[in-house]
Amino acid sequence: MVMAASEAGRLRVTRELLLSLIAGSAATLVLAMLRAGDIVPGITEFLLRPGPYVAGKLGMTGSSAALLSVLGDGIFYGAIAFLLMRLRPSGRKAAQPPQLKLEPLTERRRAARLPVKKEVFIYGWNGEDNGDEPFSENTETLNISAVGGLIPLAAKVAPAQKFILINAESNEELPCRVARTIRTPAGNTIVGFEFSQYAANFWQTPEPVGVDVANAAVHTT
């Protein structure tokens, strides 16, 4: 694999050298044609100096000096083209370290949730220190668990807000807090709440609402 990479590198350099010589020769030819046509003579004379300069330094005259001037200009501009090719960023992306494919995290409930409807009564206070505006409301659960549940609510509540929830069947009550709120397209508010303590028997259902040993994967309360 190392030898293959080295061979590919040599081939790439050889190709770039050939392209550079072609580009240098083409640039020299274009400049010579511009000078012959007396087009921007000052610029073309300046740009065609490298070859004659080298020939003069070597003390060459006549046809050999003219030939070396042409070759010198071609090599000079070819060298510039080669340098630009080597300095340009490679079109290939740098090798990236293998990326770990992260699977989306599945949010796991702390307790199994049952789609059970239970009549409940809630009351609490809106505002800081829970002392500003009292509210109360009769509603019905959408689902329940040993750590809370989900209810539709008309009252405006905020995450972490505390309230008291009463099971209408048993009259048992527990302090709760708002875990999250969901605004439905119809404009209603769905509230996920958590008990202040684990309460597997609070709902008094025939099915247990204990720890979710099956790791059911839906959103938490």
N, C-alpha and C. Protein backbone atom coordinates (compact mmCIF):
# COMPACT_ATOMS: atom_id res chain seq x y z
N MET A 1 0.82 -1.20 0.00
CA MET A 1 0.00 0.00 0.00
C MET A 1 0.86 1.26 0.00
N VAL A 2 2.01 1.20 0.76
CA VAL A 2 2.91 2.35 0.81
C VAL A 2 3.57 2.56 -0.55
N MET A 3 3.97 1.45 -1.22
CA MET A 3 4.58 1.55 -2.52
C MET A 3 3.61 2.10 -3.54
N ALA A 4 2.37 1.69 -3.46
CA ALA A 4 1.35 2.18 -4.38
C ALA A 4 1.15 3.67 -4.21
N ALA A 5 1.13 4.14 -2.97
CA ALA A 5 0.95 5.56 -2.71
C ALA A 5 2.15 6.35 -3.24
N SER A 6 3.38 5.79 -3.07
CA SER A 6 4.57 6.46 -3.56
C SER A 6 4.57 6.54 -5.08
N GLU A 7 4.16 5.46 -5.73
CA GLU A 7 4.10 5.44 -7.19
C GLU A 7 3.08 6.45 -7.70
N ALA A 8 1.94 6.53 -7.01
CA ALA A 8 0.92 7.50 -7.41
C ALA A 8 1.43 8.93 -7.26
N GLY A 9 2.24 9.16 -6.21
CA GLY A 9 2.81 10.50 -6.01
C GLY A 9 3.78 10.87 -7.12
N ARG A 10 4.61 9.91 -7.54
CA ARG A 10 5.57 10.17 -8.63
C ARG A 10 4.84 10.45 -9.93
N LEU A 11 3.80 9.68 -10.20
CA LEU A 11 3.03 9.91 -11.42
C LEU A 11 2.36 11.28 -11.41
N ARG A 12 1.89 11.69 -10.25
CA ARG A 12 1.24 13.00 -10.15
C ARG A 12 2.23 14.13 -10.41
N VAL A 13 3.45 14.00 -9.85
CA VAL A 13 4.47 15.03 -10.06
C VAL A 13 4.88 15.09 -11.53
N THR A 14 5.03 13.89 -12.15
CA THR A 14 5.40 13.86 -13.57
C THR A 14 4.33 14.53 -14.43
N ARG A 15 3.08 14.24 -14.13
CA ARG A 15 1.98 14.85 -14.90
C ARG A 15 1.98 16.36 -14.72
N GLU A 16 2.23 16.82 -13.48
CA GLU A 16 2.24 18.26 -13.23
C GLU A 16 3.41 18.95 -13.93
N LEU A 17 4.56 18.25 -14.03
CA LEU A 17 5.70 18.82 -14.75
C LEU A 17 5.39 18.99 -16.24
N LEU A 18 4.78 17.96 -16.82
CA LEU A 18 4.43 18.05 -18.25
C LEU A 18 3.42 19.17 -18.50
N LEU A 19 2.42 19.24 -17.63
CA LEU A 19 1.43 20.31 -17.79
C LEU A 19 2.06 21.68 -17.61
N SER A 20 3.02 21.77 -16.70
CA SER A 20 3.69 23.05 -16.46
C SER A 20 4.51 23.48 -17.67
N LEU A 21 5.23 22.51 -18.29
CA LEU A 21 6.02 22.84 -19.48
C LEU A 21 5.12 23.28 -20.63
N ILE A 22 3.97 22.60 -20.76
CA ILE A 22 3.03 22.99 -21.81
C ILE A 22 2.49 24.38 -21.55
N ALA A 23 2.14 24.65 -20.28
CA ALA A 23 1.61 25.97 -19.93
C ALA A 23 2.68 27.05 -20.14
N GLY A 24 3.94 26.76 -19.76
CA GLY A 24 5.01 27.73 -19.94
C GLY A 24 5.27 28.02 -21.41
N SER A 25 5.27 26.96 -22.23
CA SER A 25 5.48 27.15 -23.67
C SER A 25 4.35 27.95 -24.29
N ALA A 26 3.11 27.66 -23.86
CA ALA A 26 1.96 28.39 -24.39
C ALA A 26 2.03 29.86 -24.01
N ALA A 27 2.42 30.14 -22.74
CA ALA A 27 2.52 31.53 -22.30
C ALA A 27 3.59 32.27 -23.09
N THR A 28 4.73 31.61 -23.33
CA THR A 28 5.81 32.24 -24.10
C THR A 28 5.37 32.52 -25.52
N LEU A 29 4.66 31.57 -26.12
CA LEU A 29 4.18 31.75 -27.48
C LEU A 29 3.22 32.92 -27.59
N VAL A 30 2.28 33.00 -26.63
CA VAL A 30 1.32 34.10 -26.65
C VAL A 30 2.03 35.45 -26.50
N LEU A 31 3.00 35.53 -25.60
CA LEU A 31 3.74 36.78 -25.39
C LEU A 31 4.55 37.16 -26.64
N ALA A 32 5.14 36.13 -27.30
CA ALA A 32 5.90 36.42 -28.51
C ALA A 32 4.99 36.94 -29.62
N MET A 33 3.78 36.37 -29.73
CA MET A 33 2.84 36.84 -30.75
C MET A 33 2.38 38.27 -30.45
N LEU A 34 2.17 38.58 -29.18
CA LEU A 34 1.78 39.94 -28.81
C LEU A 34 2.90 40.94 -29.13
N ARG A 35 4.14 40.51 -28.87
CA ARG A 35 5.27 41.40 -29.16
C ARG A 35 5.42 41.59 -30.67
N ALA A 36 5.22 40.51 -31.44
CA ALA A 36 5.34 40.62 -32.90
C ALA A 36 4.26 41.52 -33.48
N GLY A 37 3.10 41.50 -32.86
CA GLY A 37 2.02 42.36 -33.32
C GLY A 37 2.06 43.76 -32.73
N ASP A 38 3.12 44.06 -32.00
CA ASP A 38 3.31 45.37 -31.36
C ASP A 38 2.13 45.72 -30.45
N ILE A 39 1.66 44.71 -29.73
CA ILE A 39 0.56 44.89 -28.78
C ILE A 39 1.16 44.96 -27.38
N VAL A 40 0.83 46.01 -26.67
CA VAL A 40 1.43 46.29 -25.35
C VAL A 40 2.92 45.95 -25.35
N PRO A 41 3.67 46.60 -26.20
CA PRO A 41 5.08 46.22 -26.34
C PRO A 41 5.89 46.34 -25.06
N GLY A 42 5.59 47.35 -24.24
CA GLY A 42 6.36 47.50 -23.00
C GLY A 42 6.20 46.31 -22.08
N ILE A 43 4.97 45.85 -21.97
CA ILE A 43 4.71 44.71 -21.07
C ILE A 43 5.31 43.43 -21.62
N THR A 44 5.12 43.18 -22.92
CA THR A 44 5.66 41.94 -23.50
C THR A 44 7.19 41.91 -23.46
N GLU A 45 7.82 43.05 -23.69
CA GLU A 45 9.29 43.08 -23.61
C GLU A 45 9.75 42.74 -22.19
N PHE A 46 9.02 43.28 -21.22
CA PHE A 46 9.40 43.01 -19.82
C PHE A 46 9.20 41.54 -19.48
N LEU A 47 8.06 40.97 -19.93
CA LEU A 47 7.75 39.59 -19.59
C LEU A 47 8.61 38.58 -20.34
N LEU A 48 9.21 38.99 -21.46
CA LEU A 48 10.06 38.08 -22.23
C LEU A 48 11.54 38.30 -21.96
N ARG A 49 11.88 38.84 -20.80
CA ARG A 49 13.27 39.06 -20.44
C ARG A 49 13.99 37.85 -19.85
N PRO A 50 13.31 36.93 -19.16
CA PRO A 50 14.07 35.85 -18.48
C PRO A 50 14.98 35.07 -19.40
N GLY A 51 14.48 34.66 -20.62
CA GLY A 51 15.30 33.87 -21.54
C GLY A 51 16.51 34.63 -22.04
N PRO A 52 16.33 35.83 -22.60
CA PRO A 52 17.50 36.60 -23.05
C PRO A 52 18.49 36.90 -21.93
N TYR A 53 17.97 37.09 -20.71
CA TYR A 53 18.87 37.37 -19.58
C TYR A 53 19.80 36.18 -19.33
N VAL A 54 19.23 34.97 -19.37
CA VAL A 54 20.04 33.77 -19.16
C VAL A 54 21.04 33.60 -20.29
N ALA A 55 20.58 33.83 -21.54
CA ALA A 55 21.49 33.69 -22.69
C ALA A 55 22.64 34.69 -22.59
N GLY A 56 22.33 35.92 -22.17
CA GLY A 56 23.38 36.91 -22.03
C GLY A 56 24.36 36.54 -20.94
N LYS A 57 23.89 36.00 -19.84
CA LYS A 57 24.77 35.59 -18.76
C LYS A 57 25.71 34.47 -19.20
N LEU A 58 25.22 33.61 -20.12
CA LEU A 58 26.04 32.50 -20.60
C LEU A 58 26.93 32.91 -21.77
N GLY A 59 26.79 34.17 -22.21
CA GLY A 59 27.63 34.68 -23.30
C GLY A 59 27.27 34.11 -24.65
N MET A 60 26.05 33.70 -24.85
CA MET A 60 25.63 33.10 -26.11
C MET A 60 25.13 34.20 -27.04
N THR A 61 25.32 33.98 -28.34
CA THR A 61 24.88 34.94 -29.36
C THR A 61 24.27 34.19 -30.52
N GLY A 62 23.64 34.94 -31.41
CA GLY A 62 23.11 34.36 -32.63
C GLY A 62 21.90 33.48 -32.41
N SER A 63 21.81 32.44 -33.27
CA SER A 63 20.65 31.55 -33.24
C SER A 63 20.57 30.76 -31.94
N SER A 64 21.72 30.36 -31.42
CA SER A 64 21.71 29.61 -30.16
C SER A 64 21.18 30.47 -29.03
N ALA A 65 21.50 31.76 -29.04
CA ALA A 65 20.98 32.66 -28.01
C ALA A 65 19.48 32.82 -28.16
N ALA A 66 18.99 32.91 -29.42
CA ALA A 66 17.55 33.05 -29.64
C ALA A 66 16.81 31.81 -29.17
N LEU A 67 17.40 30.62 -29.51
CA LEU A 67 16.75 29.37 -29.08
C LEU A 67 16.73 29.27 -27.56
N LEU A 68 17.85 29.60 -26.93
CA LEU A 68 17.89 29.53 -25.47
C LEU A 68 16.94 30.54 -24.85
N SER A 69 16.75 31.68 -25.49
CA SER A 69 15.82 32.68 -24.95
C SER A 69 14.40 32.14 -24.92
N VAL A 70 14.04 31.47 -26.04
CA VAL A 70 12.69 30.90 -26.09
C VAL A 70 12.52 29.79 -25.06
N LEU A 71 13.53 28.90 -25.01
CA LEU A 71 13.45 27.80 -24.04
C LEU A 71 13.48 28.33 -22.60
N GLY A 72 14.30 29.35 -22.38
CA GLY A 72 14.39 29.91 -21.03
C GLY A 72 13.08 30.51 -20.57
N ASP A 73 12.40 31.24 -21.50
CA ASP A 73 11.09 31.81 -21.14
C ASP A 73 10.08 30.72 -20.86
N GLY A 74 10.08 29.66 -21.68
CA GLY A 74 9.15 28.57 -21.46
C GLY A 74 9.36 27.88 -20.13
N ILE A 75 10.67 27.64 -19.82
CA ILE A 75 10.98 26.98 -18.55
C ILE A 75 10.62 27.88 -17.37
N PHE A 76 10.88 29.17 -17.53
CA PHE A 76 10.58 30.11 -16.44
C PHE A 76 9.09 30.13 -16.12
N TYR A 77 8.27 30.30 -17.16
CA TYR A 77 6.83 30.36 -16.89
C TYR A 77 6.26 28.98 -16.56
N GLY A 78 6.90 27.93 -17.07
CA GLY A 78 6.50 26.58 -16.67
C GLY A 78 6.77 26.34 -15.19
N ALA A 79 7.91 26.86 -14.71
CA ALA A 79 8.24 26.71 -13.29
C ALA A 79 7.21 27.43 -12.42
N ILE A 80 6.76 28.60 -12.88
CA ILE A 80 5.73 29.33 -12.12
C ILE A 80 4.44 28.51 -12.08
N ALA A 81 4.07 27.94 -13.25
CA ALA A 81 2.86 27.12 -13.30
C ALA A 81 2.99 25.90 -12.39
N PHE A 82 4.18 25.26 -12.39
CA PHE A 82 4.39 24.09 -11.54
C PHE A 82 4.28 24.47 -10.06
N LEU A 83 4.87 25.61 -9.70
CA LEU A 83 4.80 26.06 -8.31
C LEU A 83 3.36 26.32 -7.89
N LEU A 84 2.57 26.91 -8.77
CA LEU A 84 1.17 27.16 -8.45
C LEU A 84 0.40 25.85 -8.28
N MET A 85 0.73 24.88 -9.12
CA MET A 85 0.06 23.57 -8.99
C MET A 85 0.38 22.91 -7.65
N ARG A 86 1.65 23.04 -7.23
CA ARG A 86 2.03 22.41 -5.97
C ARG A 86 1.47 23.13 -4.76
N LEU A 87 1.24 24.43 -4.91
CA LEU A 87 0.75 25.20 -3.77
C LEU A 87 -0.76 25.18 -3.64
N ARG A 88 -1.45 24.87 -4.72
CA ARG A 88 -2.91 24.88 -4.64
C ARG A 88 -3.38 23.76 -3.73
N PRO A 89 -4.51 23.99 -3.01
CA PRO A 89 -5.03 22.92 -2.15
C PRO A 89 -5.49 21.73 -2.97
N SER A 90 -5.23 20.56 -2.45
CA SER A 90 -5.63 19.35 -3.16
C SER A 90 -7.13 19.26 -3.25
N GLY A 91 -7.61 18.77 -4.39
CA GLY A 91 -9.06 18.63 -4.57
C GLY A 91 -9.64 17.54 -3.70
N ARG A 92 -8.76 16.66 -3.22
CA ARG A 92 -9.26 15.58 -2.36
C ARG A 92 -9.32 16.05 -0.93
N LYS A 93 -10.31 15.66 -0.26
CA LYS A 93 -10.45 16.01 1.15
C LYS A 93 -9.45 15.24 1.98
N ALA A 94 -8.93 15.91 2.99
CA ALA A 94 -8.00 15.23 3.89
C ALA A 94 -8.71 14.09 4.59
N ALA A 95 -7.94 13.04 4.80
CA ALA A 95 -8.53 11.88 5.44
C ALA A 95 -9.04 12.24 6.83
N GLN A 96 -10.27 11.92 7.08
CA GLN A 96 -10.89 12.22 8.35
C GLN A 96 -10.89 10.97 9.22
N PRO A 97 -10.73 11.14 10.50
CA PRO A 97 -10.80 9.98 11.38
C PRO A 97 -12.19 9.38 11.31
N PRO A 98 -12.29 8.09 11.44
CA PRO A 98 -13.62 7.46 11.37
C PRO A 98 -14.55 8.04 12.40
N GLN A 99 -15.75 8.38 11.93
CA GLN A 99 -16.73 8.98 12.81
C GLN A 99 -17.62 7.89 13.42
N LEU A 100 -17.83 8.02 14.69
CA LEU A 100 -18.73 7.09 15.35
C LEU A 100 -20.16 7.45 14.99
N LYS A 101 -20.90 6.51 14.55
CA LYS A 101 -22.29 6.75 14.23
C LYS A 101 -23.10 6.70 15.51
N LEU A 102 -23.62 7.84 15.88
CA LEU A 102 -24.36 7.92 17.13
C LEU A 102 -25.83 7.65 16.86
N GLU A 103 -26.33 6.63 17.43
CA GLU A 103 -27.75 6.34 17.30
C GLU A 103 -28.54 7.32 18.16
N PRO A 104 -29.72 7.73 17.68
CA PRO A 104 -30.53 8.64 18.49
C PRO A 104 -30.84 8.03 19.85
N LEU A 105 -30.66 8.82 20.86
CA LEU A 105 -30.91 8.33 22.22
C LEU A 105 -32.39 8.09 22.42
N THR A 106 -32.72 6.96 22.92
CA THR A 106 -34.11 6.66 23.23
C THR A 106 -34.39 7.07 24.66
N GLU A 107 -35.37 7.94 24.80
CA GLU A 107 -35.70 8.44 26.14
C GLU A 107 -36.50 7.37 26.88
N ARG A 108 -35.99 6.94 28.00
CA ARG A 108 -36.63 5.85 28.72
C ARG A 108 -37.33 6.36 29.96
N ARG A 109 -38.49 5.83 30.17
CA ARG A 109 -39.23 6.21 31.36
C ARG A 109 -38.68 5.52 32.59
N ARG A 110 -38.85 6.16 33.70
CA ARG A 110 -38.45 5.55 34.97
C ARG A 110 -39.49 4.56 35.45
N ALA A 111 -40.70 4.65 34.94
CA ALA A 111 -41.75 3.71 35.35
C ALA A 111 -42.70 3.51 34.18
N ALA A 112 -43.30 2.32 34.14
CA ALA A 112 -44.22 1.99 33.06
C ALA A 112 -45.43 2.91 33.09
N ARG A 113 -45.83 3.34 31.92
CA ARG A 113 -46.99 4.22 31.84
C ARG A 113 -48.17 3.45 31.23
N LEU A 114 -49.33 3.62 31.82
CA LEU A 114 -50.53 2.95 31.34
C LEU A 114 -51.52 3.98 30.79
N PRO A 115 -52.14 3.68 29.67
CA PRO A 115 -53.14 4.60 29.10
C PRO A 115 -54.47 4.50 29.85
N VAL A 116 -54.45 4.96 31.08
CA VAL A 116 -55.63 4.85 31.96
C VAL A 116 -56.19 6.24 32.24
N LYS A 117 -57.52 6.35 32.15
CA LYS A 117 -58.17 7.63 32.47
C LYS A 117 -58.65 7.60 33.92
N LYS A 118 -58.20 8.60 34.64
CA LYS A 118 -58.58 8.74 36.03
C LYS A 118 -59.03 10.18 36.27
N GLU A 119 -60.18 10.34 36.94
CA GLU A 119 -60.62 11.68 37.28
C GLU A 119 -59.75 12.22 38.43
N VAL A 120 -59.25 13.43 38.22
CA VAL A 120 -58.40 14.04 39.25
C VAL A 120 -58.82 15.49 39.45
N PHE A 121 -58.45 16.00 40.60
CA PHE A 121 -58.67 17.41 40.92
C PHE A 121 -57.32 17.99 41.32
N ILE A 122 -56.96 19.13 40.72
CA ILE A 122 -55.67 19.73 41.06
C ILE A 122 -55.90 21.15 41.56
N TYR A 123 -55.02 21.59 42.42
CA TYR A 123 -55.04 22.99 42.85
C TYR A 123 -53.63 23.43 43.19
N GLY A 124 -53.41 24.71 43.04
CA GLY A 124 -52.08 25.25 43.31
C GLY A 124 -52.11 26.76 43.21
N TRP A 125 -50.94 27.36 43.06
CA TRP A 125 -50.82 28.82 43.02
C TRP A 125 -49.85 29.20 41.91
N ASN A 126 -50.27 30.17 41.12
CA ASN A 126 -49.40 30.71 40.08
C ASN A 126 -48.59 31.86 40.63
N GLY A 127 -47.39 32.01 40.15
CA GLY A 127 -46.56 33.13 40.58
C GLY A 127 -45.43 32.67 41.46
N GLU A 128 -44.48 33.55 41.72
CA GLU A 128 -43.34 33.23 42.56
C GLU A 128 -43.77 32.91 43.99
N ASP A 129 -43.07 31.98 44.59
CA ASP A 129 -43.33 31.56 45.97
C ASP A 129 -44.70 30.92 46.12
N ASN A 130 -45.36 30.60 45.00
CA ASN A 130 -46.68 29.95 45.05
C ASN A 130 -47.66 30.73 45.94
N GLY A 131 -47.62 32.03 45.86
CA GLY A 131 -48.50 32.77 46.76
C GLY A 131 -49.31 33.85 46.08
N ASP A 132 -49.37 33.86 44.76
CA ASP A 132 -50.02 34.96 44.07
C ASP A 132 -51.47 34.64 43.67
N GLU A 133 -51.64 33.75 42.70
CA GLU A 133 -52.98 33.48 42.19
C GLU A 133 -53.31 32.00 42.35
N PRO A 134 -54.30 31.67 43.14
CA PRO A 134 -54.68 30.26 43.27
C PRO A 134 -55.43 29.78 42.02
N PHE A 135 -55.31 28.52 41.75
CA PHE A 135 -56.08 27.93 40.65
C PHE A 135 -56.47 26.52 41.05
N SER A 136 -57.54 26.04 40.46
CA SER A 136 -57.99 24.67 40.69
C SER A 136 -58.73 24.21 39.45
N GLU A 137 -58.74 22.90 39.25
CA GLU A 137 -59.35 22.40 38.01
C GLU A 137 -59.63 20.91 38.13
N ASN A 138 -60.78 20.50 37.62
CA ASN A 138 -61.09 19.09 37.46
C ASN A 138 -60.64 18.66 36.06
N THR A 139 -59.96 17.54 35.98
CA THR A 139 -59.52 17.05 34.68
C THR A 139 -59.43 15.54 34.72
N GLU A 140 -58.91 14.93 33.69
CA GLU A 140 -58.83 13.48 33.59
C GLU A 140 -57.48 13.09 32.99
N THR A 141 -56.85 12.09 33.55
CA THR A 141 -55.53 11.68 33.06
C THR A 141 -55.62 11.07 31.67
N LEU A 142 -54.56 11.24 30.90
CA LEU A 142 -54.43 10.57 29.61
C LEU A 142 -53.65 9.29 29.76
N ASN A 143 -52.67 9.31 30.65
CA ASN A 143 -51.96 8.10 31.05
C ASN A 143 -51.36 8.33 32.43
N ILE A 144 -50.98 7.22 33.07
CA ILE A 144 -50.50 7.30 34.45
C ILE A 144 -49.29 6.40 34.64
N SER A 145 -48.52 6.68 35.68
CA SER A 145 -47.39 5.83 36.05
C SER A 145 -47.17 5.98 37.55
N ALA A 146 -46.21 5.24 38.07
CA ALA A 146 -45.92 5.30 39.50
C ALA A 146 -45.20 6.58 39.88
N VAL A 147 -44.76 7.34 38.90
CA VAL A 147 -44.04 8.59 39.19
C VAL A 147 -44.76 9.83 38.69
N GLY A 148 -45.95 9.66 38.11
CA GLY A 148 -46.68 10.83 37.63
C GLY A 148 -47.71 10.48 36.59
N GLY A 149 -47.88 11.35 35.61
CA GLY A 149 -48.87 11.11 34.59
C GLY A 149 -48.95 12.25 33.61
N LEU A 150 -49.99 12.22 32.78
CA LEU A 150 -50.20 13.21 31.74
C LEU A 150 -51.65 13.65 31.77
N ILE A 151 -51.87 14.97 31.81
CA ILE A 151 -53.24 15.48 31.91
C ILE A 151 -53.40 16.70 31.00
N PRO A 152 -54.61 16.88 30.43
CA PRO A 152 -54.91 18.15 29.77
C PRO A 152 -55.25 19.18 30.84
N LEU A 153 -54.86 20.42 30.63
CA LEU A 153 -55.04 21.43 31.66
C LEU A 153 -55.35 22.77 31.01
N ALA A 154 -56.38 23.44 31.50
CA ALA A 154 -56.71 24.77 31.01
C ALA A 154 -55.89 25.85 31.70
N ALA A 155 -55.54 25.61 32.96
CA ALA A 155 -54.75 26.59 33.71
C ALA A 155 -53.35 26.70 33.12
N LYS A 156 -52.80 27.89 33.16
CA LYS A 156 -51.45 28.12 32.67
C LYS A 156 -50.45 27.78 33.77
N VAL A 157 -49.58 26.82 33.46
CA VAL A 157 -48.55 26.43 34.42
C VAL A 157 -47.20 26.44 33.71
N ALA A 158 -46.15 26.47 34.49
CA ALA A 158 -44.79 26.52 33.96
C ALA A 158 -44.00 25.31 34.44
N PRO A 159 -42.96 24.90 33.69
CA PRO A 159 -42.13 23.79 34.14
C PRO A 159 -41.57 24.02 35.54
N ALA A 160 -41.57 22.98 36.35
CA ALA A 160 -41.10 22.99 37.74
C ALA A 160 -42.11 23.60 38.70
N GLN A 161 -43.24 24.09 38.18
CA GLN A 161 -44.25 24.65 39.09
C GLN A 161 -44.88 23.53 39.91
N LYS A 162 -45.16 23.80 41.18
CA LYS A 162 -45.71 22.79 42.08
C LYS A 162 -47.22 22.94 42.21
N PHE A 163 -47.89 21.82 42.42
CA PHE A 163 -49.33 21.83 42.67
C PHE A 163 -49.70 20.55 43.41
N ILE A 164 -50.94 20.48 43.86
CA ILE A 164 -51.45 19.29 44.56
C ILE A 164 -52.42 18.57 43.65
N LEU A 165 -52.28 17.26 43.56
CA LEU A 165 -53.17 16.45 42.74
C LEU A 165 -53.94 15.49 43.64
N ILE A 166 -55.26 15.41 43.43
CA ILE A 166 -56.12 14.54 44.24
C ILE A 166 -56.75 13.49 43.33
N ASN A 167 -56.61 12.23 43.72
CA ASN A 167 -57.29 11.14 43.02
C ASN A 167 -58.76 11.18 43.42
N ALA A 168 -59.67 11.45 42.46
CA ALA A 168 -61.09 11.62 42.77
C ALA A 168 -61.71 10.33 43.30
N GLU A 169 -61.18 9.18 43.00
CA GLU A 169 -61.75 7.92 43.45
C GLU A 169 -61.39 7.63 44.91
N SER A 170 -60.16 7.93 45.27
CA SER A 170 -59.71 7.58 46.62
C SER A 170 -59.58 8.79 47.54
N ASN A 171 -59.68 10.00 46.97
CA ASN A 171 -59.47 11.25 47.72
C ASN A 171 -58.04 11.37 48.27
N GLU A 172 -57.16 10.51 47.79
CA GLU A 172 -55.76 10.62 48.21
C GLU A 172 -55.09 11.74 47.41
N GLU A 173 -54.24 12.47 48.05
CA GLU A 173 -53.57 13.57 47.37
C GLU A 173 -52.06 13.46 47.50
N LEU A 174 -51.38 14.03 46.51
CA LEU A 174 -49.92 14.04 46.49
C LEU A 174 -49.41 15.36 45.92
N PRO A 175 -48.35 15.91 46.47
CA PRO A 175 -47.73 17.08 45.84
C PRO A 175 -47.02 16.65 44.55
N CYS A 176 -47.10 17.51 43.54
CA CYS A 176 -46.51 17.22 42.23
C CYS A 176 -45.77 18.45 41.72
N ARG A 177 -45.04 18.24 40.65
CA ARG A 177 -44.45 19.38 39.95
C ARG A 177 -44.61 19.17 38.45
N VAL A 178 -44.67 20.25 37.71
CA VAL A 178 -44.80 20.19 36.26
C VAL A 178 -43.45 19.78 35.66
N ALA A 179 -43.44 18.68 34.91
CA ALA A 179 -42.21 18.22 34.26
C ALA A 179 -42.07 18.82 32.88
N ARG A 180 -43.18 18.96 32.17
CA ARG A 180 -43.16 19.55 30.83
C ARG A 180 -44.56 19.93 30.42
N THR A 181 -44.66 20.81 29.43
CA THR A 181 -45.95 21.21 28.88
C THR A 181 -45.90 21.08 27.37
N ILE A 182 -47.01 20.69 26.78
CA ILE A 182 -47.12 20.54 25.33
C ILE A 182 -48.32 21.35 24.86
N ARG A 183 -48.09 22.19 23.88
CA ARG A 183 -49.17 22.98 23.30
C ARG A 183 -49.66 22.28 22.04
N THR A 184 -50.92 21.88 22.01
CA THR A 184 -51.47 21.16 20.86
C THR A 184 -51.88 22.14 19.77
N PRO A 185 -52.01 21.67 18.51
CA PRO A 185 -52.47 22.56 17.43
C PRO A 185 -53.83 23.19 17.71
N ALA A 186 -54.66 22.52 18.51
CA ALA A 186 -55.98 23.05 18.83
C ALA A 186 -55.91 24.14 19.90
N GLY A 187 -54.73 24.39 20.45
CA GLY A 187 -54.59 25.43 21.46
C GLY A 187 -54.71 24.94 22.88
N ASN A 188 -54.85 23.62 23.06
CA ASN A 188 -54.94 23.06 24.41
C ASN A 188 -53.54 22.80 24.97
N THR A 189 -53.45 22.65 26.27
CA THR A 189 -52.17 22.38 26.92
C THR A 189 -52.20 21.01 27.57
N ILE A 190 -51.21 20.19 27.26
CA ILE A 190 -51.04 18.88 27.88
C ILE A 190 -49.87 19.00 28.85
N VAL A 191 -50.06 18.55 30.08
CA VAL A 191 -49.05 18.72 31.12
C VAL A 191 -48.57 17.35 31.59
N GLY A 192 -47.26 17.14 31.52
CA GLY A 192 -46.65 15.98 32.13
C GLY A 192 -46.20 16.36 33.53
N PHE A 193 -46.57 15.57 34.53
CA PHE A 193 -46.23 15.93 35.91
C PHE A 193 -45.56 14.77 36.61
N GLU A 194 -44.83 15.10 37.67
CA GLU A 194 -44.14 14.11 38.48
C GLU A 194 -44.58 14.24 39.93
N PHE A 195 -44.73 13.09 40.59
CA PHE A 195 -44.98 13.10 42.02
C PHE A 195 -43.70 13.52 42.76
N SER A 196 -43.88 14.02 43.96
CA SER A 196 -42.72 14.37 44.78
C SER A 196 -42.08 13.11 45.36
N GLN A 197 -42.80 11.97 45.26
CA GLN A 197 -42.27 10.71 45.76
C GLN A 197 -42.86 9.56 44.95
N TYR A 198 -42.17 8.44 44.96
CA TYR A 198 -42.64 7.26 44.24
C TYR A 198 -43.96 6.79 44.85
N ALA A 199 -44.96 6.56 44.01
CA ALA A 199 -46.30 6.22 44.53
C ALA A 199 -46.96 5.18 43.64
N ALA A 200 -46.51 3.92 43.77
CA ALA A 200 -47.02 2.85 42.91
C ALA A 200 -48.48 2.55 43.16
N ASN A 201 -48.99 2.81 44.38
CA ASN A 201 -50.37 2.46 44.71
C ASN A 201 -51.33 3.66 44.65
N PHE A 202 -50.83 4.80 44.24
CA PHE A 202 -51.67 5.99 44.28
C PHE A 202 -52.88 5.86 43.35
N TRP A 203 -52.68 5.27 42.20
CA TRP A 203 -53.78 5.24 41.22
C TRP A 203 -54.77 4.11 41.49
N GLN A 204 -54.39 3.11 42.27
CA GLN A 204 -55.28 1.99 42.62
C GLN A 204 -55.85 1.32 41.37
N THR A 205 -54.95 0.89 40.50
CA THR A 205 -55.35 0.20 39.27
C THR A 205 -55.11 -1.29 39.41
N PRO A 206 -55.89 -2.14 38.70
CA PRO A 206 -55.65 -3.59 38.76
C PRO A 206 -54.29 -3.97 38.18
N GLU A 207 -53.80 -3.17 37.22
CA GLU A 207 -52.49 -3.44 36.64
C GLU A 207 -51.43 -2.67 37.42
N PRO A 208 -50.28 -3.28 37.67
CA PRO A 208 -49.24 -2.56 38.42
C PRO A 208 -48.66 -1.42 37.60
N VAL A 209 -48.30 -0.36 38.28
CA VAL A 209 -47.63 0.77 37.62
C VAL A 209 -46.29 0.99 38.32
N GLY A 210 -45.52 -0.08 38.38
CA GLY A 210 -44.22 0.01 39.06
C GLY A 210 -43.11 0.32 38.09
N VAL A 211 -41.90 -0.18 38.42
CA VAL A 211 -40.74 0.10 37.59
C VAL A 211 -40.89 -0.56 36.24
N ASP A 212 -40.52 0.14 35.19
CA ASP A 212 -40.65 -0.38 33.83
C ASP A 212 -39.46 -1.28 33.51
N VAL A 213 -39.58 -2.54 33.84
CA VAL A 213 -38.48 -3.46 33.59
C VAL A 213 -38.29 -3.73 32.11
N ALA A 214 -39.28 -3.44 31.30
CA ALA A 214 -39.18 -3.66 29.84
C ALA A 214 -38.53 -2.49 29.14
N ASN A 215 -38.21 -1.41 29.90
CA ASN A 215 -37.60 -0.22 29.30
C ASN A 215 -38.44 0.32 28.16
N ALA A 216 -39.72 0.54 28.44
CA ALA A 216 -40.59 1.09 27.42
C ALA A 216 -40.06 2.42 26.97
N ALA A 217 -40.09 2.67 25.65
CA ALA A 217 -39.44 3.86 25.12
C ALA A 217 -40.46 4.85 24.59
N VAL A 218 -40.88 5.77 25.43
CA VAL A 218 -41.64 6.95 25.07
C VAL A 218 -41.16 8.06 25.96
N HIS A 219 -41.71 9.24 25.76
CA HIS A 219 -41.23 10.37 26.54
C HIS A 219 -41.56 10.23 28.02
N THR A 220 -40.75 10.92 28.83
CA THR A 220 -40.96 10.85 30.25
C THR A 220 -42.08 11.77 30.65
N THR A 221 -42.54 11.58 31.91
CA THR A 221 -43.55 12.49 32.41
C THR A 221 -42.92 13.82 32.70
